[in-house]
C-alpha cells in the first residue's frame, strides 16, 4: 500500500517567516516610540541644564552651553522668594481634594445613569460630553462672578469646587458608559438576596470598578495639579496660590533671570514625578484590567 507523505517544511518555514516579520515590526514600533520619547525629553534636558547655570554664564554662553560649575543659588532663591512649601501644600490640597471628590461624584452620577436607567439617560450623558468640550476661557467670567457673589473668591475651596465639577463631568461620561454594560445578572442576584441600592453600589459595583476608579483618581490629580488659568484668576493672594501660578507670577512681577526660572520649574516638576512613580503600578493595573474587561 502506498503511503502519502505530507510535506511539513513549507508550513514551518511560513510560520518562521511570519514570526520574523512580526518581530521586525515590533522593533520598528519600539524604535519609533523610543525616538518620540527622546524628543519629548529634550525640553526637560534643557531645563535641567540651565537650572544649575549662573545668570552671567547663561547670558554669555547661551542656553545650550554646559555649566562650568554647579550653581545652586537659583534653587535657593526660588524656594525662599515664592515660599515654596506653602505653594506645595496648596497644590497638594487642591489636587488631592479634587481627585477624591471628583471620583466620588463621578461614581454616584454614573451609578444613577448606568445602573438606575433614569429617564433621558442618553441626553444627560450627551450633556456631560458637551461639558467636556467647553474651553475654560468661556467659563472664567461666570465662575469669577459667582465666586465673588458667594464670598469664595481667593480661596482654595472655590478652585476645589470648580475642578470637582469639571473633572467629574469627564468621569461621569466615562463611568456611565462602563456601567451601561454592567452584567445585569449580578445586580439581580444581589437584589434577590435583599441588597438595597447602596449595598449594591458598595458591595457589587464598587469592587468591580476599583481599577477604573484608581486610574481616574491619578488622572484627576495630575490634571488639576497642572491647571493654570482658573487658579490664576481665582487665587490672587500669595498664601493661596498654587505652584504653576506662583512660578508664572514670580517670573512676570519680579523679572527673574532664566536660570532661576528653570530652577523653579525643576523644583515644581519633582512632586508630580514622584506622585506618578508611586502610583505607576496602580495606573498600569487599572489600564490592564480595563483592557481585559
C-alpha atoms as a PDB file:
ATOM      1  CA  UNK A   1       0.000   0.000   0.000  1.00  0.00           C
ATOM      2  CA  UNK A   2       1.379   3.373  -0.971  1.00  0.00           C
ATOM      3  CA  UNK A   3       1.896   5.873   1.805  1.00  0.00           C
ATOM      4  CA  UNK A   4       1.406   9.577   1.065  1.00  0.00           C
ATOM      5  CA  UNK A   5       3.675  11.891   2.984  1.00  0.00           C
ATOM      6  CA  UNK A   6       2.663  15.453   3.732  1.00  0.00           C
ATOM      7  CA  UNK A   7       5.481  17.956   3.452  1.00  0.00           C
ATOM      8  CA  UNK A   8       5.885  19.826   6.706  1.00  0.00           C
ATOM      9  CA  UNK A   9       8.791  22.060   5.787  1.00  0.00           C
ATOM     10  CA  UNK A  10       6.709  24.666   3.953  1.00  0.00           C
ATOM     11  CA  UNK A  11       4.315  25.454   6.851  1.00  0.00           C
ATOM     12  CA  UNK A  12       7.241  25.538   9.276  1.00  0.00           C
ATOM     13  CA  UNK A  13       9.119  27.940   7.036  1.00  0.00           C
ATOM     14  CA  UNK A  14       5.980  30.057   6.654  1.00  0.00           C
ATOM     15  CA  UNK A  15       5.500  30.249  10.433  1.00  0.00           C
ATOM     16  CA  UNK A  16       9.164  31.184  10.829  1.00  0.00           C
ATOM     17  CA  UNK A  17       8.788  33.934   8.246  1.00  0.00           C
ATOM     18  CA  UNK A  18       5.647  35.224   9.980  1.00  0.00           C
ATOM     19  CA  UNK A  19       7.391  35.340  13.323  1.00  0.00           C
ATOM     20  CA  UNK A  20      10.356  37.125  11.808  1.00  0.00           C
ATOM     21  CA  UNK A  21       8.024  39.601  10.146  1.00  0.00           C
ATOM     22  CA  UNK A  22       6.192  40.328  13.382  1.00  0.00           C
ATOM     23  CA  UNK A  23       9.494  40.666  15.187  1.00  0.00           C
ATOM     24  CA  UNK A  24      10.736  43.239  12.697  1.00  0.00           C
ATOM     25  CA  UNK A  25       7.505  45.202  13.052  1.00  0.00           C
ATOM     26  CA  UNK A  26       7.860  45.237  16.799  1.00  0.00           C
ATOM     27  CA  UNK A  27      11.411  46.577  16.534  1.00  0.00           C
ATOM     28  CA  UNK A  28      10.269  49.340  14.191  1.00  0.00           C
ATOM     29  CA  UNK A  29       7.470  50.339  16.560  1.00  0.00           C
ATOM     30  CA  UNK A  30       9.875  50.234  19.516  1.00  0.00           C
ATOM     31  CA  UNK A  31      12.361  52.437  17.673  1.00  0.00           C
ATOM     32  CA  UNK A  32       9.618  54.938  16.813  1.00  0.00           C
ATOM     33  CA  UNK A  33       8.356  55.067  20.406  1.00  0.00           C
ATOM     34  CA  UNK A  34      11.907  55.494  21.727  1.00  0.00           C
ATOM     35  CA  UNK A  35      12.568  58.325  19.292  1.00  0.00           C
ATOM     36  CA  UNK A  36       9.325  60.051  20.276  1.00  0.00           C
ATOM     37  CA  UNK A  37      10.205  59.716  23.970  1.00  0.00           C
ATOM     38  CA  UNK A  38      13.629  61.247  23.384  1.00  0.00           C
ATOM     39  CA  UNK A  39      12.101  64.177  21.518  1.00  0.00           C
ATOM     40  CA  UNK A  40       9.684  64.777  24.412  1.00  0.00           C
ATOM     41  CA  UNK A  41      12.561  64.699  26.901  1.00  0.00           C
ATOM     42  CA  UNK A  42      14.538  67.423  25.105  1.00  0.00           C
ATOM     43  CA  UNK A  43      12.786  70.372  26.877  1.00  0.00           C
ATOM     44  CA  UNK A  44      13.330  68.702  30.257  1.00  0.00           C
ATOM     45  CA  UNK A  45      17.010  68.236  29.430  1.00  0.00           C
ATOM     46  CA  UNK A  46      17.356  71.962  28.640  1.00  0.00           C
ATOM     47  CA  UNK A  47      15.533  72.822  31.871  1.00  0.00           C
ATOM     48  CA  UNK A  48      17.879  70.605  33.897  1.00  0.00           C
ATOM     49  CA  UNK A  49      20.916  72.019  32.087  1.00  0.00           C
ATOM     50  CA  UNK A  50      20.016  75.652  32.740  1.00  0.00           C
ATOM     51  CA  UNK A  51      18.763  75.175  36.303  1.00  0.00           C
ATOM     52  CA  UNK A  52      22.348  74.830  37.571  1.00  0.00           C
ATOM     53  CA  UNK A  53      23.862  77.621  35.499  1.00  0.00           C
ATOM     54  CA  UNK A  54      24.645  81.121  36.780  1.00  0.00           C
ATOM     55  CA  UNK A  55      22.897  84.130  35.180  1.00  0.00           C
ATOM     56  CA  UNK A  56      26.190  85.519  33.916  1.00  0.00           C
ATOM     57  CA  UNK A  57      27.165  82.242  32.296  1.00  0.00           C
ATOM     58  CA  UNK A  58      23.705  81.914  30.769  1.00  0.00           C
ATOM     59  CA  UNK A  59      23.942  85.419  29.266  1.00  0.00           C
ATOM     60  CA  UNK A  60      27.435  84.956  27.882  1.00  0.00           C
ATOM     61  CA  UNK A  61      27.331  81.348  26.665  1.00  0.00           C
ATOM     62  CA  UNK A  62      23.630  80.849  25.949  1.00  0.00           C
ATOM     63  CA  UNK A  63      21.166  78.103  26.942  1.00  0.00           C
ATOM     64  CA  UNK A  64      22.986  75.307  25.060  1.00  0.00           C
ATOM     65  CA  UNK A  65      26.295  75.566  26.892  1.00  0.00           C
ATOM     66  CA  UNK A  66      27.375  73.159  29.601  1.00  0.00           C
ATOM     67  CA  UNK A  67      27.651  74.813  33.068  1.00  0.00           C
ATOM     68  CA  UNK A  68      31.212  75.265  34.265  1.00  0.00           C
ATOM     69  CA  UNK A  69      30.158  74.938  37.927  1.00  0.00           C
ATOM     70  CA  UNK A  70      27.201  73.660  39.915  1.00  0.00           C
ATOM     71  CA  UNK A  71      25.206  76.848  40.590  1.00  0.00           C
ATOM     72  CA  UNK A  72      22.509  76.289  43.230  1.00  0.00           C
ATOM     73  CA  UNK A  73      21.673  79.863  44.180  1.00  0.00           C
ATOM     74  CA  UNK A  74      18.737  79.840  41.749  1.00  0.00           C
ATOM     75  CA  UNK A  75      17.162  76.907  43.591  1.00  0.00           C
ATOM     76  CA  UNK A  76      17.545  78.639  46.955  1.00  0.00           C
ATOM     77  CA  UNK A  77      16.240  81.952  45.590  1.00  0.00           C
ATOM     78  CA  UNK A  78      13.124  80.363  44.138  1.00  0.00           C
ATOM     79  CA  UNK A  79      12.482  78.312  47.287  1.00  0.00           C
ATOM     80  CA  UNK A  80      12.577  81.331  49.597  1.00  0.00           C
ATOM     81  CA  UNK A  81      11.009  84.054  47.437  1.00  0.00           C
ATOM     82  CA  UNK A  82       7.900  82.143  46.420  1.00  0.00           C
ATOM     83  CA  UNK A  83       7.577  80.391  49.802  1.00  0.00           C
ATOM     84  CA  UNK A  84       7.584  77.030  48.033  1.00  0.00           C
ATOM     85  CA  UNK A  85       6.362  74.867  50.986  1.00  0.00           C
ATOM     86  CA  UNK A  86       3.141  76.906  51.134  1.00  0.00           C
ATOM     87  CA  UNK A  87       2.612  76.615  47.368  1.00  0.00           C
ATOM     88  CA  UNK A  88       3.321  72.889  47.551  1.00  0.00           C
ATOM     89  CA  UNK A  89       0.709  72.451  50.273  1.00  0.00           C
ATOM     90  CA  UNK A  90      -1.862  74.465  48.303  1.00  0.00           C
ATOM     91  CA  UNK A  91      -1.321  72.426  45.145  1.00  0.00           C
ATOM     92  CA  UNK A  92      -1.431  69.122  47.034  1.00  0.00           C
ATOM     93  CA  UNK A  93      -4.567  70.147  48.931  1.00  0.00           C
ATOM     94  CA  UNK A  94      -6.433  71.273  45.817  1.00  0.00           C
ATOM     95  CA  UNK A  95      -5.333  68.405  43.564  1.00  0.00           C
ATOM     96  CA  UNK A  96      -5.899  65.734  46.216  1.00  0.00           C
ATOM     97  CA  UNK A  97      -9.325  67.052  47.189  1.00  0.00           C
ATOM     98  CA  UNK A  98     -10.431  67.323  43.570  1.00  0.00           C
ATOM     99  CA  UNK A  99      -9.203  63.812  42.793  1.00  0.00           C
ATOM    100  CA  UNK A 100     -11.128  62.220  45.675  1.00  0.00           C
ATOM    101  CA  UNK A 101     -14.291  64.317  45.317  1.00  0.00           C
ATOM    102  CA  UNK A 102     -14.277  64.079  41.515  1.00  0.00           C
ATOM    103  CA  UNK A 103     -14.112  60.269  41.618  1.00  0.00           C
ATOM    104  CA  UNK A 104     -16.874  60.093  44.244  1.00  0.00           C
ATOM    105  CA  UNK A 105     -19.210  62.397  42.305  1.00  0.00           C
ATOM    106  CA  UNK A 106     -18.452  60.577  39.049  1.00  0.00           C
ATOM    107  CA  UNK A 107     -19.263  57.221  40.634  1.00  0.00           C
ATOM    108  CA  UNK A 108     -22.583  58.408  42.081  1.00  0.00           C
ATOM    109  CA  UNK A 109     -23.653  60.089  38.833  1.00  0.00           C
ATOM    110  CA  UNK A 110     -22.618  57.142  36.698  1.00  0.00           C
ATOM    111  CA  UNK A 111     -24.390  54.696  39.027  1.00  0.00           C
ATOM    112  CA  UNK A 112     -27.631  56.595  38.586  1.00  0.00           C
ATOM    113  CA  UNK A 113     -27.218  56.871  34.825  1.00  0.00           C
ATOM    114  CA  UNK A 114     -25.719  53.482  34.022  1.00  0.00           C
ATOM    115  CA  UNK A 115     -27.466  51.260  36.560  1.00  0.00           C
ATOM    116  CA  UNK A 116     -30.514  53.277  37.555  1.00  0.00           C
ATOM    117  CA  UNK A 117     -31.531  53.906  33.952  1.00  0.00           C
ATOM    118  CA  UNK A 118     -33.021  57.350  34.608  1.00  0.00           C
ATOM    119  CA  UNK A 119     -35.296  58.847  32.006  1.00  0.00           C
ATOM    120  CA  UNK A 120     -33.432  60.748  29.304  1.00  0.00           C
ATOM    121  CA  UNK A 121     -30.180  58.959  30.083  1.00  0.00           C
ATOM    122  CA  UNK A 122     -28.687  59.443  26.619  1.00  0.00           C
ATOM    123  CA  UNK A 123     -29.417  63.166  26.664  1.00  0.00           C
ATOM    124  CA  UNK A 124     -27.842  63.567  30.094  1.00  0.00           C
ATOM    125  CA  UNK A 125     -24.717  61.628  29.089  1.00  0.00           C
ATOM    126  CA  UNK A 126     -24.504  63.758  25.939  1.00  0.00           C
ATOM    127  CA  UNK A 127     -24.725  66.871  28.127  1.00  0.00           C
ATOM    128  CA  UNK A 128     -21.760  65.670  30.183  1.00  0.00           C
ATOM    129  CA  UNK A 129     -19.868  65.024  26.956  1.00  0.00           C
ATOM    130  CA  UNK A 130     -20.661  68.560  25.772  1.00  0.00           C
ATOM    131  CA  UNK A 131     -19.429  69.968  29.088  1.00  0.00           C
ATOM    132  CA  UNK A 132     -16.035  68.372  28.468  1.00  0.00           C
ATOM    133  CA  UNK A 133     -15.736  70.253  25.179  1.00  0.00           C
ATOM    134  CA  UNK A 134     -16.241  73.727  26.655  1.00  0.00           C
ATOM    135  CA  UNK A 135     -12.999  75.750  26.839  1.00  0.00           C
ATOM    136  CA  UNK A 136     -12.091  77.137  30.230  1.00  0.00           C
ATOM    137  CA  UNK A 137     -11.837  80.631  28.769  1.00  0.00           C
ATOM    138  CA  UNK A 138     -15.614  80.655  28.248  1.00  0.00           C
ATOM    139  CA  UNK A 139     -16.192  79.749  31.915  1.00  0.00           C
ATOM    140  CA  UNK A 140     -13.858  82.280  33.516  1.00  0.00           C
ATOM    141  CA  UNK A 141     -16.210  85.251  33.878  1.00  0.00           C
ATOM    142  CA  UNK A 142     -19.264  83.318  35.170  1.00  0.00           C
ATOM    143  CA  UNK A 143     -17.080  81.459  37.658  1.00  0.00           C
ATOM    144  CA  UNK A 144     -15.356  84.676  38.762  1.00  0.00           C
ATOM    145  CA  UNK A 145     -18.673  86.484  39.228  1.00  0.00           C
ATOM    146  CA  UNK A 146     -20.233  83.570  41.118  1.00  0.00           C
ATOM    147  CA  UNK A 147     -17.233  83.221  43.445  1.00  0.00           C
ATOM    148  CA  UNK A 148     -17.404  86.947  44.188  1.00  0.00           C
ATOM    149  CA  UNK A 149     -21.113  86.758  44.980  1.00  0.00           C
ATOM    150  CA  UNK A 150     -20.881  83.816  47.396  1.00  0.00           C
ATOM    151  CA  UNK A 151     -17.703  85.032  49.097  1.00  0.00           C
ATOM    152  CA  UNK A 152     -15.398  82.244  47.926  1.00  0.00           C
ATOM    153  CA  UNK A 153     -13.094  84.339  45.764  1.00  0.00           C
ATOM    154  CA  UNK A 154      -9.374  83.904  46.544  1.00  0.00           C
ATOM    155  CA  UNK A 155      -9.970  80.683  48.481  1.00  0.00           C
ATOM    156  CA  UNK A 156      -8.852  77.143  47.756  1.00  0.00           C
ATOM    157  CA  UNK A 157     -12.429  75.975  48.242  1.00  0.00           C
ATOM    158  CA  UNK A 158     -13.592  77.825  45.136  1.00  0.00           C
ATOM    159  CA  UNK A 159     -10.971  76.124  42.963  1.00  0.00           C
ATOM    160  CA  UNK A 160     -11.754  72.733  44.523  1.00  0.00           C
ATOM    161  CA  UNK A 161     -15.471  73.091  43.754  1.00  0.00           C
ATOM    162  CA  UNK A 162     -14.851  74.268  40.190  1.00  0.00           C
ATOM    163  CA  UNK A 163     -12.440  71.484  39.272  1.00  0.00           C
ATOM    164  CA  UNK A 164     -14.513  68.840  41.030  1.00  0.00           C
ATOM    165  CA  UNK A 165     -17.389  69.703  38.720  1.00  0.00           C
ATOM    166  CA  UNK A 166     -15.157  69.895  35.638  1.00  0.00           C
ATOM    167  CA  UNK A 167     -13.348  66.622  36.291  1.00  0.00           C
ATOM    168  CA  UNK A 168     -16.496  64.765  37.360  1.00  0.00           C
ATOM    169  CA  UNK A 169     -18.121  65.653  34.022  1.00  0.00           C
ATOM    170  CA  UNK A 170     -15.499  63.576  32.256  1.00  0.00           C
ATOM    171  CA  UNK A 171     -15.605  60.860  34.922  1.00  0.00           C
ATOM    172  CA  UNK A 172     -19.390  60.611  34.730  1.00  0.00           C
ATOM    173  CA  UNK A 173     -19.338  60.238  30.966  1.00  0.00           C
ATOM    174  CA  UNK A 174     -16.670  57.547  31.138  1.00  0.00           C
ATOM    175  CA  UNK A 175     -18.125  55.526  34.020  1.00  0.00           C
ATOM    176  CA  UNK A 176     -21.700  55.781  32.728  1.00  0.00           C
ATOM    177  CA  UNK A 177     -20.565  54.130  29.513  1.00  0.00           C
ATOM    178  CA  UNK A 178     -18.880  51.358  31.519  1.00  0.00           C
ATOM    179  CA  UNK A 179     -21.847  50.791  33.833  1.00  0.00           C
ATOM    180  CA  UNK A 180     -24.210  50.714  30.878  1.00  0.00           C
ATOM    181  CA  UNK A 181     -22.719  47.312  30.017  1.00  0.00           C
ATOM    182  CA  UNK A 182     -22.522  46.058  33.619  1.00  0.00           C
ATOM    183  CA  UNK A 183     -23.820  42.452  33.945  1.00  0.00           C
ATOM    184  CA  UNK A 184     -27.461  42.616  34.986  1.00  0.00           C
ATOM    185  CA  UNK A 185     -27.262  39.114  36.461  1.00  0.00           C
ATOM    186  CA  UNK A 186     -25.014  40.335  39.281  1.00  0.00           C
ATOM    187  CA  UNK A 187     -27.416  43.143  40.120  1.00  0.00           C
ATOM    188  CA  UNK A 188     -30.444  40.844  40.038  1.00  0.00           C
ATOM    189  CA  UNK A 189     -28.698  38.266  42.231  1.00  0.00           C
ATOM    190  CA  UNK A 190     -27.819  40.936  44.801  1.00  0.00           C
ATOM    191  CA  UNK A 191     -31.371  42.283  44.732  1.00  0.00           C
ATOM    192  CA  UNK A 192     -32.768  38.778  45.305  1.00  0.00           C
ATOM    193  CA  UNK A 193     -30.506  38.463  48.343  1.00  0.00           C
ATOM    194  CA  UNK A 194     -32.146  41.558  49.798  1.00  0.00           C
ATOM    195  CA  UNK A 195     -29.446  44.130  48.977  1.00  0.00           C
ATOM    196  CA  UNK A 196     -30.572  47.704  48.590  1.00  0.00           C
ATOM    197  CA  UNK A 197     -29.260  50.266  46.112  1.00  0.00           C
ATOM    198  CA  UNK A 198     -26.487  51.498  48.411  1.00  0.00           C
ATOM    199  CA  UNK A 199     -25.442  47.965  49.254  1.00  0.00           C
ATOM    200  CA  UNK A 200     -25.321  47.059  45.552  1.00  0.00           C
ATOM    201  CA  UNK A 201     -23.231  50.157  44.878  1.00  0.00           C
ATOM    202  CA  UNK A 202     -20.600  49.497  47.554  1.00  0.00           C
ATOM    203  CA  UNK A 203     -20.602  45.694  47.610  1.00  0.00           C
ATOM    204  CA  UNK A 204     -21.106  44.840  43.922  1.00  0.00           C
ATOM    205  CA  UNK A 205     -20.408  47.821  41.645  1.00  0.00           C
ATOM    206  CA  UNK A 206     -17.556  49.490  43.518  1.00  0.00           C
ATOM    207  CA  UNK A 207     -15.271  46.397  43.779  1.00  0.00           C
ATOM    208  CA  UNK A 208     -15.619  45.771  40.030  1.00  0.00           C
ATOM    209  CA  UNK A 209     -14.895  49.419  39.180  1.00  0.00           C
ATOM    210  CA  UNK A 210     -11.953  49.822  41.559  1.00  0.00           C
ATOM    211  CA  UNK A 211      -9.242  49.663  38.829  1.00  0.00           C
ATOM    212  CA  UNK A 212     -11.070  52.254  36.684  1.00  0.00           C
ATOM    213  CA  UNK A 213     -11.614  54.496  39.684  1.00  0.00           C
ATOM    214  CA  UNK A 214      -7.908  54.298  40.550  1.00  0.00           C
ATOM    215  CA  UNK A 215      -6.996  55.418  37.029  1.00  0.00           C
ATOM    216  CA  UNK A 216      -9.453  58.321  37.246  1.00  0.00           C
ATOM    217  CA  UNK A 217      -8.022  59.319  40.628  1.00  0.00           C
ATOM    218  CA  UNK A 218      -4.495  59.525  39.226  1.00  0.00           C
ATOM    219  CA  UNK A 219      -5.588  61.429  36.116  1.00  0.00           C
ATOM    220  CA  UNK A 220      -7.695  63.905  38.116  1.00  0.00           C
ATOM    221  CA  UNK A 221      -4.777  64.617  40.441  1.00  0.00           C
ATOM    222  CA  UNK A 222      -2.277  65.231  37.656  1.00  0.00           C
ATOM    223  CA  UNK A 223      -4.706  67.279  35.545  1.00  0.00           C
ATOM    224  CA  UNK A 224      -5.626  69.508  38.490  1.00  0.00           C
ATOM    225  CA  UNK A 225      -2.000  69.867  39.565  1.00  0.00           C
ATOM    226  CA  UNK A 226      -1.070  71.263  36.141  1.00  0.00           C
ATOM    227  CA  UNK A 227      -4.021  73.661  35.854  1.00  0.00           C
ATOM    228  CA  UNK A 228      -3.069  77.296  35.391  1.00  0.00           C
ATOM    229  CA  UNK A 229      -5.807  79.576  34.011  1.00  0.00           C
ATOM    230  CA  UNK A 230      -8.578  79.171  36.584  1.00  0.00           C
ATOM    231  CA  UNK A 231      -6.203  79.226  39.613  1.00  0.00           C
ATOM    232  CA  UNK A 232      -4.545  82.313  38.110  1.00  0.00           C
ATOM    233  CA  UNK A 233      -7.884  84.161  38.093  1.00  0.00           C
ATOM    234  CA  UNK A 234      -9.322  82.765  41.325  1.00  0.00           C
ATOM    235  CA  UNK A 235      -6.222  82.862  43.556  1.00  0.00           C
ATOM    236  CA  UNK A 236      -4.661  86.310  43.748  1.00  0.00           C
ATOM    237  CA  UNK A 237      -3.122  86.134  47.223  1.00  0.00           C
ATOM    238  CA  UNK A 238       0.359  84.778  47.759  1.00  0.00           C
ATOM    239  CA  UNK A 239      -0.829  82.461  50.554  1.00  0.00           C
ATOM    240  CA  UNK A 240      -3.451  80.754  48.357  1.00  0.00           C
ATOM    241  CA  UNK A 241      -1.619  80.376  45.048  1.00  0.00           C
ATOM    242  CA  UNK A 242      -0.564  77.042  43.556  1.00  0.00           C
ATOM    243  CA  UNK A 243       2.841  76.117  42.167  1.00  0.00           C
ATOM    244  CA  UNK A 244       2.171  76.896  38.450  1.00  0.00           C
ATOM    245  CA  UNK A 245       0.660  80.290  39.320  1.00  0.00           C
ATOM    246  CA  UNK A 246       3.498  81.165  41.688  1.00  0.00           C
ATOM    247  CA  UNK A 247       6.095  80.298  39.067  1.00  0.00           C
ATOM    248  CA  UNK A 248       4.436  82.443  36.382  1.00  0.00           C
ATOM    249  CA  UNK A 249       3.752  85.351  38.750  1.00  0.00           C
ATOM    250  CA  UNK A 250       7.334  85.370  40.017  1.00  0.00           C
ATOM    251  CA  UNK A 251       8.702  85.456  36.504  1.00  0.00           C
ATOM    252  CA  UNK A 252       6.428  88.311  35.460  1.00  0.00           C
ATOM    253  CA  UNK A 253       6.362  90.512  38.548  1.00  0.00           C
ATOM    254  CA  UNK A 254       9.964  90.356  39.689  1.00  0.00           C
ATOM    255  CA  UNK A 255      11.641  89.762  36.311  1.00  0.00           C
ATOM    256  CA  UNK A 256      13.722  86.827  37.487  1.00  0.00           C
ATOM    257  CA  UNK A 257      16.559  85.525  35.385  1.00  0.00           C
ATOM    258  CA  UNK A 258      16.222  82.467  33.169  1.00  0.00           C
ATOM    259  CA  UNK A 259      18.344  80.074  35.313  1.00  0.00           C
ATOM    260  CA  UNK A 260      16.237  80.837  38.391  1.00  0.00           C
ATOM    261  CA  UNK A 261      13.070  80.274  36.383  1.00  0.00           C
ATOM    262  CA  UNK A 262      14.415  76.943  35.164  1.00  0.00           C
ATOM    263  CA  UNK A 263      15.350  76.003  38.720  1.00  0.00           C
ATOM    264  CA  UNK A 264      11.841  76.840  39.867  1.00  0.00           C
ATOM    265  CA  UNK A 265      10.330  74.771  37.076  1.00  0.00           C
ATOM    266  CA  UNK A 266      12.569  71.862  38.056  1.00  0.00           C
ATOM    267  CA  UNK A 267      11.502  72.006  41.707  1.00  0.00           C
ATOM    268  CA  UNK A 268       7.860  72.345  40.702  1.00  0.00           C
ATOM    269  CA  UNK A 269       8.080  69.266  38.492  1.00  0.00           C
ATOM    270  CA  UNK A 270       9.561  66.954  41.120  1.00  0.00           C
ATOM    271  CA  UNK A 271       6.358  66.382  43.204  1.00  0.00           C
ATOM    272  CA  UNK A 272       4.328  65.394  40.131  1.00  0.00           C
ATOM    273  CA  UNK A 273       7.043  62.962  39.011  1.00  0.00           C
ATOM    274  CA  UNK A 274       7.221  61.425  42.496  1.00  0.00           C
ATOM    275  CA  UNK A 275       3.436  61.017  42.575  1.00  0.00           C
ATOM    276  CA  UNK A 276       3.468  59.324  39.180  1.00  0.00           C
ATOM    277  CA  UNK A 277       6.294  56.977  40.158  1.00  0.00           C
ATOM    278  CA  UNK A 278       4.467  55.967  43.327  1.00  0.00           C
ATOM    279  CA  UNK A 279       1.197  55.189  41.537  1.00  0.00           C
ATOM    280  CA  UNK A 280       2.513  53.945  38.203  1.00  0.00           C
ATOM    281  CA  UNK A 281       1.770  50.312  39.081  1.00  0.00           C
ATOM    282  CA  UNK A 282      -1.763  51.243  40.094  1.00  0.00           C
ATOM    283  CA  UNK A 283      -2.182  53.029  36.776  1.00  0.00           C
ATOM    284  CA  UNK A 284      -0.817  50.060  34.827  1.00  0.00           C
ATOM    285  CA  UNK A 285      -3.061  47.602  36.686  1.00  0.00           C
ATOM    286  CA  UNK A 286      -6.107  49.774  36.092  1.00  0.00           C
ATOM    287  CA  UNK A 287      -5.455  50.100  32.371  1.00  0.00           C
ATOM    288  CA  UNK A 288      -4.769  46.351  32.085  1.00  0.00           C
ATOM    289  CA  UNK A 289      -7.957  45.493  33.984  1.00  0.00           C
ATOM    290  CA  UNK A 290      -9.959  47.775  31.708  1.00  0.00           C
ATOM    291  CA  UNK A 291      -8.463  46.105  28.634  1.00  0.00           C
ATOM    292  CA  UNK A 292      -9.302  42.641  29.962  1.00  0.00           C
ATOM    293  CA  UNK A 293     -12.900  43.611  30.620  1.00  0.00           C
END
